[in-house]
C-alpha atoms as a PDB file:
ATOM      1  CA  MET A   1      52.330  51.746   8.867  1.00  0.00           C
ATOM      2  CA  GLY A   2      52.415  49.224   6.150  1.00  0.00           C
ATOM      3  CA  LYS A   3      48.579  48.025   4.949  1.00  0.00           C
ATOM      4  CA  PRO A   4      48.632  44.702   6.328  1.00  0.00           C
ATOM      5  CA  LEU A   5      49.813  45.532   9.916  1.00  0.00           C
ATOM      6  CA  ALA A   6      47.086  47.467   9.707  1.00  0.00           C
ATOM      7  CA  LEU A   7      44.442  45.820   8.961  1.00  0.00           C
ATOM      8  CA  ILE A   8      46.123  43.694  11.778  1.00  0.00           C
ATOM      9  CA  LEU A   9      45.602  46.267  14.257  1.00  0.00           C
ATOM     10  CA  LEU A  10      41.850  47.792  12.643  1.00  0.00           C
ATOM     11  CA  GLY A  11      41.246  44.238  13.779  1.00  0.00           C
ATOM     12  CA  LEU A  12      42.700  44.020  17.140  1.00  0.00           C
ATOM     13  CA  LEU A  13      41.343  47.714  18.258  1.00  0.00           C
ATOM     14  CA  CYS A  14      37.799  46.968  16.479  1.00  0.00           C
ATOM     15  CA  PRO A  15      36.374  44.290  16.292  1.00  0.00           C
ATOM     16  CA  GLY A  16      33.056  45.229  15.384  1.00  0.00           C
ATOM     17  CA  LEU A  17      34.627  45.716  11.356  1.00  0.00           C
ATOM     18  CA  VAL A  18      33.731  42.927   8.899  1.00  0.00           C
ATOM     19  CA  LEU A  19      36.120  43.045   6.360  1.00  0.00           C
ATOM     20  CA  ALA A  20      35.544  41.206   2.771  1.00  0.00           C
ATOM     21  CA  GLU A  21      37.516  38.438   1.298  1.00  0.00           C
ATOM     22  CA  GLN A  22      40.172  40.530  -0.228  1.00  0.00           C
ATOM     23  CA  GLY A  23      40.383  42.345   2.948  1.00  0.00           C
ATOM     24  CA  ARG A  24      38.527  45.722   2.727  1.00  0.00           C
ATOM     25  CA  LEU A  25      36.116  46.828   5.095  1.00  0.00           C
ATOM     26  CA  LEU A  26      32.296  45.829   3.708  1.00  0.00           C
ATOM     27  CA  ALA A  27      30.572  48.911   2.743  1.00  0.00           C
ATOM     28  CA  THR A  28      33.181  50.717   1.317  1.00  0.00           C
ATOM     29  CA  GLY A  29      32.873  50.253  -1.728  1.00  0.00           C
ATOM     30  CA  GLY A  30      29.383  52.099  -1.712  1.00  0.00           C
ATOM     31  CA  ALA A  31      26.634  51.758  -3.276  1.00  0.00           C
ATOM     32  CA  SER A  32      25.828  52.417  -7.331  1.00  0.00           C
ATOM     33  CA  SER A  33      24.328  55.825  -7.625  1.00  0.00           C
ATOM     34  CA  ILE A  34      21.641  57.157  -9.865  1.00  0.00           C
ATOM     35  CA  GLU A  35      24.542  58.032 -12.166  1.00  0.00           C
ATOM     36  CA  GLY A  36      25.861  54.352 -12.250  1.00  0.00           C
ATOM     37  CA  ALA A  37      29.789  56.106 -10.509  1.00  0.00           C
ATOM     38  CA  ALA A  38      30.141  54.104  -6.681  1.00  0.00           C
ATOM     39  CA  GLY A  39      29.173  55.316  -3.907  1.00  0.00           C
ATOM     40  CA  GLY A  40      25.310  56.672  -2.040  1.00  0.00           C
ATOM     41  CA  GLY A  41      22.672  56.736  -3.490  1.00  0.00           C
ATOM     42  CA  ILE A  42      21.738  60.789  -5.600  1.00  0.00           C
ATOM     43  CA  THR A  43      25.639  61.396  -5.222  1.00  0.00           C
ATOM     44  CA  PRO A  44      28.395  59.792  -5.774  1.00  0.00           C
ATOM     45  CA  TRP A  45      31.596  58.812  -2.819  1.00  0.00           C
ATOM     46  CA  ALA A  46      35.488  59.452  -3.642  1.00  0.00           C
ATOM     47  CA  VAL A  47      35.211  55.104  -3.497  1.00  0.00           C
ATOM     48  CA  LEU A  48      35.517  53.085  -6.056  1.00  0.00           C
ATOM     49  CA  SER A  49      33.525  50.430  -6.551  1.00  0.00           C
ATOM     50  CA  GLY A  50      33.589  46.280  -6.120  1.00  0.00           C
ATOM     51  CA  TYR A  51      36.517  45.026  -3.227  1.00  0.00           C
ATOM     52  CA  GLY A  52      39.119  44.844  -5.634  1.00  0.00           C
ATOM     53  CA  GLU A  53      42.697  45.909  -4.172  1.00  0.00           C
ATOM     54  CA  GLN A  54      46.153  46.806  -5.730  1.00  0.00           C
ATOM     55  CA  GLY A  55      46.317  44.879  -8.784  1.00  0.00           C
ATOM     56  CA  GLU A  56      43.074  43.394  -8.577  1.00  0.00           C
ATOM     57  CA  TRP A  57      39.911  43.957 -10.175  1.00  0.00           C
ATOM     58  CA  GLY A  58      36.551  44.418  -8.451  1.00  0.00           C
ATOM     59  CA  ALA A  59      32.215  45.175  -9.790  1.00  0.00           C
ATOM     60  CA  SER A  60      29.116  45.759 -10.071  1.00  0.00           C
ATOM     61  CA  ALA A  61      26.115  45.869 -11.803  1.00  0.00           C
ATOM     62  CA  PHE A  62      22.744  47.240  -9.948  1.00  0.00           C
ATOM     63  CA  ALA A  63      18.749  48.411 -10.614  1.00  0.00           C
ATOM     64  CA  THR A  64      16.912  51.055  -8.785  1.00  0.00           C
ATOM     65  CA  ARG A  65      13.354  52.559  -8.967  1.00  0.00           C
ATOM     66  CA  VAL A  66      12.761  55.427  -8.228  1.00  0.00           C
ATOM     67  CA  GLU A  67       9.035  55.650  -7.349  1.00  0.00           C
ATOM     68  CA  THR A  68       7.413  59.210  -6.428  1.00  0.00           C
ATOM     69  CA  GLY A  69       3.145  58.986  -7.926  1.00  0.00           C
ATOM     70  CA  ASP A  70       3.555  60.915 -10.222  1.00  0.00           C
ATOM     71  CA  TYR A  71       6.538  59.710 -11.759  1.00  0.00           C
ATOM     72  CA  ARG A  72       8.509  56.709 -11.987  1.00  0.00           C
ATOM     73  CA  LEU A  73      12.938  56.132 -12.984  1.00  0.00           C
ATOM     74  CA  ASP A  74      14.089  52.580 -12.968  1.00  0.00           C
ATOM     75  CA  VAL A  75      18.284  52.802 -13.775  1.00  0.00           C
ATOM     76  CA  SER A  76      19.941  49.162 -14.467  1.00  0.00           C
ATOM     77  CA  GLY A  77      23.659  49.154 -14.924  1.00  0.00           C
ATOM     78  CA  MET A  78      27.727  48.118 -14.577  1.00  0.00           C
ATOM     79  CA  ALA A  79      30.456  49.391 -13.090  1.00  0.00           C
ATOM     80  CA  ALA A  80      33.676  48.270 -13.438  1.00  0.00           C
ATOM     81  CA  SER A  81      37.250  49.171 -11.599  1.00  0.00           C
ATOM     82  CA  TYR A  82      41.166  47.687 -11.515  1.00  0.00           C
ATOM     83  CA  GLY A  83      44.234  48.842  -8.369  1.00  0.00           C
ATOM     84  CA  ASN A  84      41.450  50.028  -6.582  1.00  0.00           C
ATOM     85  CA  ARG A  85      42.124  53.132  -8.954  1.00  0.00           C
ATOM     86  CA  VAL A  86      40.003  53.500 -11.937  1.00  0.00           C
ATOM     87  CA  GLU A  87      36.474  52.914 -11.984  1.00  0.00           C
ATOM     88  CA  LEU A  88      34.382  52.195 -15.344  1.00  0.00           C
ATOM     89  CA  SER A  89      31.155  52.890 -15.646  1.00  0.00           C
ATOM     90  CA  TYR A  90      27.766  52.627 -17.556  1.00  0.00           C
ATOM     91  CA  ALA A  91      23.342  53.272 -16.750  1.00  0.00           C
ATOM     92  CA  ARG A  92      20.492  53.808 -18.418  1.00  0.00           C
ATOM     93  CA  GLN A  93      17.694  55.392 -16.812  1.00  0.00           C
ATOM     94  CA  ARG A  94      14.835  55.583 -17.663  1.00  0.00           C
ATOM     95  CA  PHE A  95      11.902  58.789 -16.734  1.00  0.00           C
ATOM     96  CA  ASP A  96       8.000  57.281 -17.254  1.00  0.00           C
ATOM     97  CA  LEU A  97       6.670  61.362 -17.328  1.00  0.00           C
ATOM     98  CA  GLY A  98       3.232  59.543 -15.521  1.00  0.00           C
ATOM     99  CA  THR A  99       0.828  62.436 -15.105  1.00  0.00           C
ATOM    100  CA  LEU A 100       2.498  64.614 -16.691  1.00  0.00           C
ATOM    101  CA  ALA A 101       2.690  62.378 -19.630  1.00  0.00           C
ATOM    102  CA  ARG A 102      -1.250  62.637 -19.467  1.00  0.00           C
ATOM    103  CA  ASP A 103      -2.370  65.591 -17.911  1.00  0.00           C
ATOM    104  CA  LEU A 104      -0.313  67.670 -21.303  1.00  0.00           C
ATOM    105  CA  SER A 105      -1.142  64.683 -23.975  1.00  0.00           C
ATOM    106  CA  LEU A 106       2.574  64.155 -24.404  1.00  0.00           C
ATOM    107  CA  PRO A 107       4.018  62.907 -27.205  1.00  0.00           C
ATOM    108  CA  ASP A 108       6.220  60.971 -25.787  1.00  0.00           C
ATOM    109  CA  ASN A 109       5.452  59.118 -21.902  1.00  0.00           C
ATOM    110  CA  SER A 110       8.740  58.945 -20.883  1.00  0.00           C
ATOM    111  CA  LEU A 111      12.308  59.873 -21.274  1.00  0.00           C
ATOM    112  CA  SER A 112      15.780  58.061 -21.647  1.00  0.00           C
ATOM    113  CA  GLN A 113      19.942  58.853 -21.368  1.00  0.00           C
ATOM    114  CA  ASP A 114      23.058  56.809 -21.327  1.00  0.00           C
ATOM    115  CA  ILE A 115      26.009  57.315 -18.948  1.00  0.00           C
ATOM    116  CA  LEU A 116      29.181  56.556 -19.064  1.00  0.00           C
ATOM    117  CA  GLY A 117      31.873  57.204 -16.359  1.00  0.00           C
ATOM    118  CA  LEU A 118      34.937  57.544 -15.707  1.00  0.00           C
ATOM    119  CA  LYS A 119      36.607  57.923 -11.860  1.00  0.00           C
ATOM    120  CA  VAL A 120      40.089  58.145 -11.549  1.00  0.00           C
ATOM    121  CA  ARG A 121      41.607  57.862  -7.591  1.00  0.00           C
ATOM    122  CA  LEU A 122      43.706  60.639  -7.317  1.00  0.00           C
ATOM    123  CA  PHE A 123      45.087  61.013  -3.694  1.00  0.00           C
ATOM    124  CA  GLY A 124      44.890  59.406  -0.347  1.00  0.00           C
ATOM    125  CA  ASP A 125      42.306  56.510   1.005  1.00  0.00           C
ATOM    126  CA  LEU A 126      39.479  56.299   3.116  1.00  0.00           C
ATOM    127  CA  ILE A 127      41.096  54.941   5.590  1.00  0.00           C
ATOM    128  CA  TYR A 128      44.853  54.146   5.824  1.00  0.00           C
ATOM    129  CA  ASP A 129      45.931  57.590   5.118  1.00  0.00           C
ATOM    130  CA  GLN A 130      46.575  60.795   6.457  1.00  0.00           C
ATOM    131  CA  LEU A 131      44.102  62.530   4.106  1.00  0.00           C
ATOM    132  CA  PRO A 132      41.053  61.311   2.737  1.00  0.00           C
ATOM    133  CA  GLN A 133      40.003  59.667  -0.559  1.00  0.00           C
ATOM    134  CA  VAL A 134      39.536  61.747  -3.085  1.00  0.00           C
ATOM    135  CA  SER A 135      38.651  61.543  -7.225  1.00  0.00           C
ATOM    136  CA  LEU A 136      37.829  62.626 -11.014  1.00  0.00           C
ATOM    137  CA  GLY A 137      34.699  61.609 -12.146  1.00  0.00           C
ATOM    138  CA  ILE A 138      34.124  62.585 -15.636  1.00  0.00           C
ATOM    139  CA  GLN A 139      30.045  61.905 -17.334  1.00  0.00           C
ATOM    140  CA  HIS A 140      28.887  62.418 -20.112  1.00  0.00           C
ATOM    141  CA  LYS A 141      25.177  61.721 -21.548  1.00  0.00           C
ATOM    142  CA  ARG A 142      23.468  61.606 -23.929  1.00  0.00           C
ATOM    143  CA  GLN A 143      19.689  61.573 -23.215  1.00  0.00           C
ATOM    144  CA  LYS A 144      17.497  59.859 -26.524  1.00  0.00           C
ATOM    145  CA  ASP A 145      13.979  61.293 -26.206  1.00  0.00           C
ATOM    146  CA  PHE A 146      14.956  65.092 -27.700  1.00  0.00           C
ATOM    147  CA  LEU A 147      11.222  66.084 -28.542  1.00  0.00           C
ATOM    148  CA  VAL A 148      10.127  67.195 -25.296  1.00  0.00           C
ATOM    149  CA  PRO A 149      12.994  68.413 -23.717  1.00  0.00           C
ATOM    150  CA  SER A 150      12.871  70.510 -27.020  1.00  0.00           C
ATOM    151  CA  LEU A 151       9.978  72.027 -26.479  1.00  0.00           C
ATOM    152  CA  ILE A 152      10.049  72.767 -23.056  1.00  0.00           C
ATOM    153  CA  GLY A 153      13.419  75.253 -24.076  1.00  0.00           C
ATOM    154  CA  ALA A 154      17.078  72.624 -22.900  1.00  0.00           C
ATOM    155  CA  GLN A 155      19.325  73.495 -25.258  1.00  0.00           C
ATOM    156  CA  ARG A 156      21.446  69.991 -26.538  1.00  0.00           C
ATOM    157  CA  ASP A 157      20.746  66.141 -26.417  1.00  0.00           C
ATOM    158  CA  GLU A 158      23.684  65.076 -24.917  1.00  0.00           C
ATOM    159  CA  ASP A 159      26.596  67.232 -22.961  1.00  0.00           C
ATOM    160  CA  THR A 160      29.528  66.332 -20.818  1.00  0.00           C
ATOM    161  CA  GLU A 161      30.041  67.260 -17.082  1.00  0.00           C
ATOM    162  CA  ALA A 162      32.759  66.947 -14.076  1.00  0.00           C
ATOM    163  CA  TYR A 163      32.626  66.129 -10.287  1.00  0.00           C
ATOM    164  CA  ILE A 164      35.325  66.116  -7.050  1.00  0.00           C
ATOM    165  CA  ALA A 165      34.263  63.793  -4.773  1.00  0.00           C
ATOM    166  CA  ALA A 166      36.851  63.900  -1.735  1.00  0.00           C
ATOM    167  CA  SER A 167      35.343  60.765   0.961  1.00  0.00           C
ATOM    168  CA  ARG A 168      36.767  59.483   4.370  1.00  0.00           C
ATOM    169  CA  LEU A 169      36.108  56.635   6.710  1.00  0.00           C
ATOM    170  CA  LEU A 170      36.329  58.019  10.988  1.00  0.00           C
ATOM    171  CA  LEU A 171      36.569  55.495  12.878  1.00  0.00           C
ATOM    172  CA  GLY A 172      34.823  55.320  16.095  1.00  0.00           C
ATOM    173  CA  GLY A 173      33.803  59.309  14.590  1.00  0.00           C
ATOM    174  CA  ALA A 174      29.684  59.334  15.845  1.00  0.00           C
ATOM    175  CA  PHE A 175      30.049  58.272  19.612  1.00  0.00           C
ATOM    176  CA  GLY A 176      31.854  55.310  18.689  1.00  0.00           C
ATOM    177  CA  TYR A 177      30.569  54.307  16.025  1.00  0.00           C
ATOM    178  CA  ASN A 178      32.181  54.192  12.351  1.00  0.00           C
ATOM    179  CA  LEU A 179      31.279  58.225  10.897  1.00  0.00           C
ATOM    180  CA  LEU A 180      31.880  58.052   7.265  1.00  0.00           C
ATOM    181  CA  LEU A 181      31.820  61.968   5.182  1.00  0.00           C
ATOM    182  CA  ASN A 182      31.981  62.555   2.120  1.00  0.00           C
ATOM    183  CA  GLY A 183      32.098  66.129  -0.149  1.00  0.00           C
ATOM    184  CA  ASN A 184      31.494  67.117  -3.870  1.00  0.00           C
ATOM    185  CA  LEU A 185      31.511  69.702  -6.196  1.00  0.00           C
ATOM    186  CA  ARG A 186      29.144  68.751  -9.554  1.00  0.00           C
ATOM    187  CA  TYR A 187      30.573  71.613 -13.050  1.00  0.00           C
ATOM    188  CA  SER A 188      27.143  70.884 -14.484  1.00  0.00           C
ATOM    189  CA  ARG A 189      24.543  71.938 -17.051  1.00  0.00           C
ATOM    190  CA  ALA A 190      22.138  68.982 -16.771  1.00  0.00           C
ATOM    191  CA  ASN A 191      17.812  69.105 -16.506  1.00  0.00           C
ATOM    192  CA  GLU A 192      16.458  67.120 -13.847  1.00  0.00           C
ATOM    193  CA  LEU A 193      20.073  64.203 -14.106  1.00  0.00           C
ATOM    194  CA  GLY A 194      20.764  65.273 -18.059  1.00  0.00           C
ATOM    195  CA  LEU A 195      16.223  63.640 -18.846  1.00  0.00           C
ATOM    196  CA  LEU A 196      15.638  67.286 -18.986  1.00  0.00           C
ATOM    197  CA  GLY A 197      18.258  68.058 -21.344  1.00  0.00           C
ATOM    198  CA  PHE A 198      20.878  70.274 -20.406  1.00  0.00           C
ATOM    199  CA  GLY A 199      21.410  73.608 -20.581  1.00  0.00           C
ATOM    200  CA  GLY A 200      18.204  76.296 -21.099  1.00  0.00           C
ATOM    201  CA  ASP A 201      16.502  78.948 -22.568  1.00  0.00           C
ATOM    202  CA  ARG A 202      16.990  80.781 -18.439  1.00  0.00           C
ATOM    203  CA  ARG A 203      20.815  80.041 -18.050  1.00  0.00           C
ATOM    204  CA  ASP A 204      22.984  77.655 -21.018  1.00  0.00           C
ATOM    205  CA  GLN A 205      25.868  77.611 -18.870  1.00  0.00           C
ATOM    206  CA  HIS A 206      27.533  75.417 -16.506  1.00  0.00           C
ATOM    207  CA  SER A 207      27.381  75.734 -12.872  1.00  0.00           C
ATOM    208  CA  VAL A 208      29.843  74.179  -9.317  1.00  0.00           C
ATOM    209  CA  LEU A 209      27.428  72.556  -7.211  1.00  0.00           C
ATOM    210  CA  LYS A 210      27.355  70.854  -4.270  1.00  0.00           C
ATOM    211  CA  GLU A 211      26.839  68.057  -3.040  1.00  0.00           C
ATOM    212  CA  GLY A 212      26.877  65.637   0.037  1.00  0.00           C
ATOM    213  CA  SER A 213      26.882  62.757   2.187  1.00  0.00           C
ATOM    214  CA  VAL A 214      27.208  61.990   5.940  1.00  0.00           C
ATOM    215  CA  ALA A 215      26.400  58.419   7.064  1.00  0.00           C
ATOM    216  CA  VAL A 216      26.821  56.646  10.142  1.00  0.00           C
ATOM    217  CA  LEU A 217      28.161  52.733   9.964  1.00  0.00           C
ATOM    218  CA  PHE A 218      26.192  51.305  13.707  1.00  0.00           C
ATOM    219  CA  ASN A 219      26.517  47.896  12.961  1.00  0.00           C
ATOM    220  CA  PRO A 220      29.049  46.354  10.216  1.00  0.00           C
ATOM    221  CA  ARG A 221      26.361  45.003   7.947  1.00  0.00           C
ATOM    222  CA  TRP A 222      24.316  47.966   7.951  1.00  0.00           C
ATOM    223  CA  ALA A 223      24.593  52.484   7.425  1.00  0.00           C
ATOM    224  CA  LEU A 224      22.060  54.641   7.599  1.00  0.00           C
ATOM    225  CA  GLY A 225      23.024  58.085   6.155  1.00  0.00           C
ATOM    226  CA  VAL A 226      21.653  61.461   4.592  1.00  0.00           C
ATOM    227  CA  GLU A 227      23.105  62.891   1.334  1.00  0.00           C
ATOM    228  CA  TYR A 228      22.387  66.414  -0.456  1.00  0.00           C
ATOM    229  CA  ARG A 229      22.515  67.970  -3.907  1.00  0.00           C
ATOM    230  CA  GLU A 230      22.627  70.900  -5.507  1.00  0.00           C
ATOM    231  CA  LYS A 231      20.630  72.170  -9.059  1.00  0.00           C
ATOM    232  CA  PRO A 232      20.395  74.078 -11.669  1.00  0.00           C
ATOM    233  CA  ASP A 233      18.184  76.029 -12.703  1.00  0.00           C
ATOM    234  CA  ASN A 234      18.205  76.522 -16.413  1.00  0.00           C
ATOM    235  CA  LEU A 235      14.475  76.354 -17.783  1.00  0.00           C
ATOM    236  CA  SER A 236      11.859  78.938 -17.375  1.00  0.00           C
ATOM    237  CA  PHE A 237       9.739  76.345 -18.229  1.00  0.00           C
ATOM    238  CA  ALA A 238       9.376  74.826 -14.355  1.00  0.00           C
ATOM    239  CA  GLY A 239      11.953  74.992 -11.115  1.00  0.00           C
ATOM    240  CA  GLU A 240      14.989  72.401 -10.074  1.00  0.00           C
ATOM    241  CA  ASN A 241      14.373  71.951  -6.318  1.00  0.00           C
ATOM    242  CA  ASP A 242      17.689  70.149  -4.653  1.00  0.00           C
ATOM    243  CA  TRP A 243      17.739  67.103  -3.938  1.00  0.00           C
ATOM    244  CA  SER A 244      18.243  64.902  -0.662  1.00  0.00           C
ATOM    245  CA  ASP A 245      17.209  61.752   1.030  1.00  0.00           C
ATOM    246  CA  VAL A 246      17.276  59.933   4.194  1.00  0.00           C
ATOM    247  CA  PHE A 247      18.827  56.073   4.040  1.00  0.00           C
ATOM    248  CA  ILE A 248      19.525  53.289   5.065  1.00  0.00           C
ATOM    249  CA  GLY A 249      21.961  50.761   3.618  1.00  0.00           C
ATOM    250  CA  TYR A 250      22.775  46.635   4.611  1.00  0.00           C
ATOM    251  CA  PHE A 251      25.680  44.892   3.281  1.00  0.00           C
ATOM    252  CA  PRO A 252      25.775  41.350   4.503  1.00  0.00           C
ATOM    253  CA  ASN A 253      28.997  40.757   2.435  1.00  0.00           C
ATOM    254  CA  LYS A 254      30.978  41.613   0.085  1.00  0.00           C
ATOM    255  CA  HIS A 255      28.817  40.642  -2.844  1.00  0.00           C
ATOM    256  CA  LEU A 256      25.421  42.175  -2.199  1.00  0.00           C
ATOM    257  CA  ALA A 257      24.367  45.893  -1.278  1.00  0.00           C
ATOM    258  CA  VAL A 258      20.918  46.703  -1.051  1.00  0.00           C
ATOM    259  CA  VAL A 259      19.266  50.774  -0.438  1.00  0.00           C
ATOM    260  CA  LEU A 260      16.103  51.717   0.575  1.00  0.00           C
ATOM    261  CA  ALA A 261      16.047  55.168   1.083  1.00  0.00           C
ATOM    262  CA  TYR A 262      12.875  58.339   1.439  1.00  0.00           C
ATOM    263  CA  ALA A 263      13.688  60.994  -1.729  1.00  0.00           C
ATOM    264  CA  ARG A 264      12.913  64.331  -1.349  1.00  0.00           C
ATOM    265  CA  LEU A 265      12.704  65.622  -5.080  1.00  0.00           C
ATOM    266  CA  GLY A 266      10.478  69.143  -5.194  1.00  0.00           C
ATOM    267  CA  GLU A 267       9.426  70.446  -8.401  1.00  0.00           C
ATOM    268  CA  ILE A 268      10.161  68.175 -11.334  1.00  0.00           C
ATOM    269  CA  ALA A 269       8.606  69.323 -14.649  1.00  0.00           C
ATOM    270  CA  GLY A 270       6.310  71.604 -13.288  1.00  0.00           C
ATOM    271  CA  LEU A 271       4.798  69.289 -10.521  1.00  0.00           C
ATOM    272  CA  ASP A 272       5.454  69.971  -6.493  1.00  0.00           C
ATOM    273  CA  ASN A 273       6.417  67.498  -3.800  1.00  0.00           C
ATOM    274  CA  GLN A 274       7.751  65.261  -5.446  1.00  0.00           C
ATOM    275  CA  ASP A 275       8.989  63.028  -3.134  1.00  0.00           C
ATOM    276  CA  GLY A 276       8.789  58.847  -2.462  1.00  0.00           C
ATOM    277  CA  ALA A 277      10.262  55.670  -1.799  1.00  0.00           C
ATOM    278  CA  TYR A 278      14.139  54.849  -3.032  1.00  0.00           C
ATOM    279  CA  LEU A 279      15.081  50.942  -3.204  1.00  0.00           C
ATOM    280  CA  SER A 280      17.876  49.703  -5.098  1.00  0.00           C
ATOM    281  CA  ILE A 281      19.783  45.935  -5.746  1.00  0.00           C
ATOM    282  CA  GLN A 282      23.979  46.152  -5.577  1.00  0.00           C
ATOM    283  CA  GLY A 283      25.982  42.793  -6.907  1.00  0.00           C
ATOM    284  CA  SER A 284      29.529  43.167  -6.700  1.00  0.00           C
ATOM    285  CA  PHE A 285      32.704  41.112  -6.238  1.00  0.00           C
END
């Protein structure tokens, strides 16, 4: 079945779906993850940024803030994709140490890093193919304030990690609502995404880490979901907990996405119960 015919049938059989101007369904480009790649909030998906189809460009820019009370993470970045096949992304993260910097009189009150990403769709499609959309991603991270991470046992200030992601949108898969499923495997040794450096005195090898997302599109422009991200535990200075969140996403049109979440981040750099609000705004085409 050709994609134009499939789109017509989708419109007839699933009138609740909303198509972007170029034919792709709203929300199928995802939002921007905190590392810059298209997807959810704390995890990437197999989808690519923007709404470009074959022979077309898609792009996005975003700003995100996570506030836990003791810490604050600000992220901004952009991504571009071509032909719904390949995506390039960039993100700058700034982590305000807040309470920790004051209590320990640290030499730096914030940490930052740059993330360059490449994602390639290997095969499949989010909706139209028998196979789910499967993408391979690579991220090169460079920590820019390495003094504090080096003092707590981090082994290096930059590293490259990889992940493979599979995503599928099941039409009517959740009691008549559309259901998005995503699962990742990541090969990484980043401490707190890399903000606390890479590798540690406890462990300096890459780990295979599991990630996942489930979202229900209960309205053509609204999505409600949960995410999970397994984390390594490389530093003896402090434990590192797995992350999770509950999010709601609003996609009024193909140019705007707003995501609000409650994130459970656990222990970060010795401070427990780092749970708080997550807000991300993305513009795309």
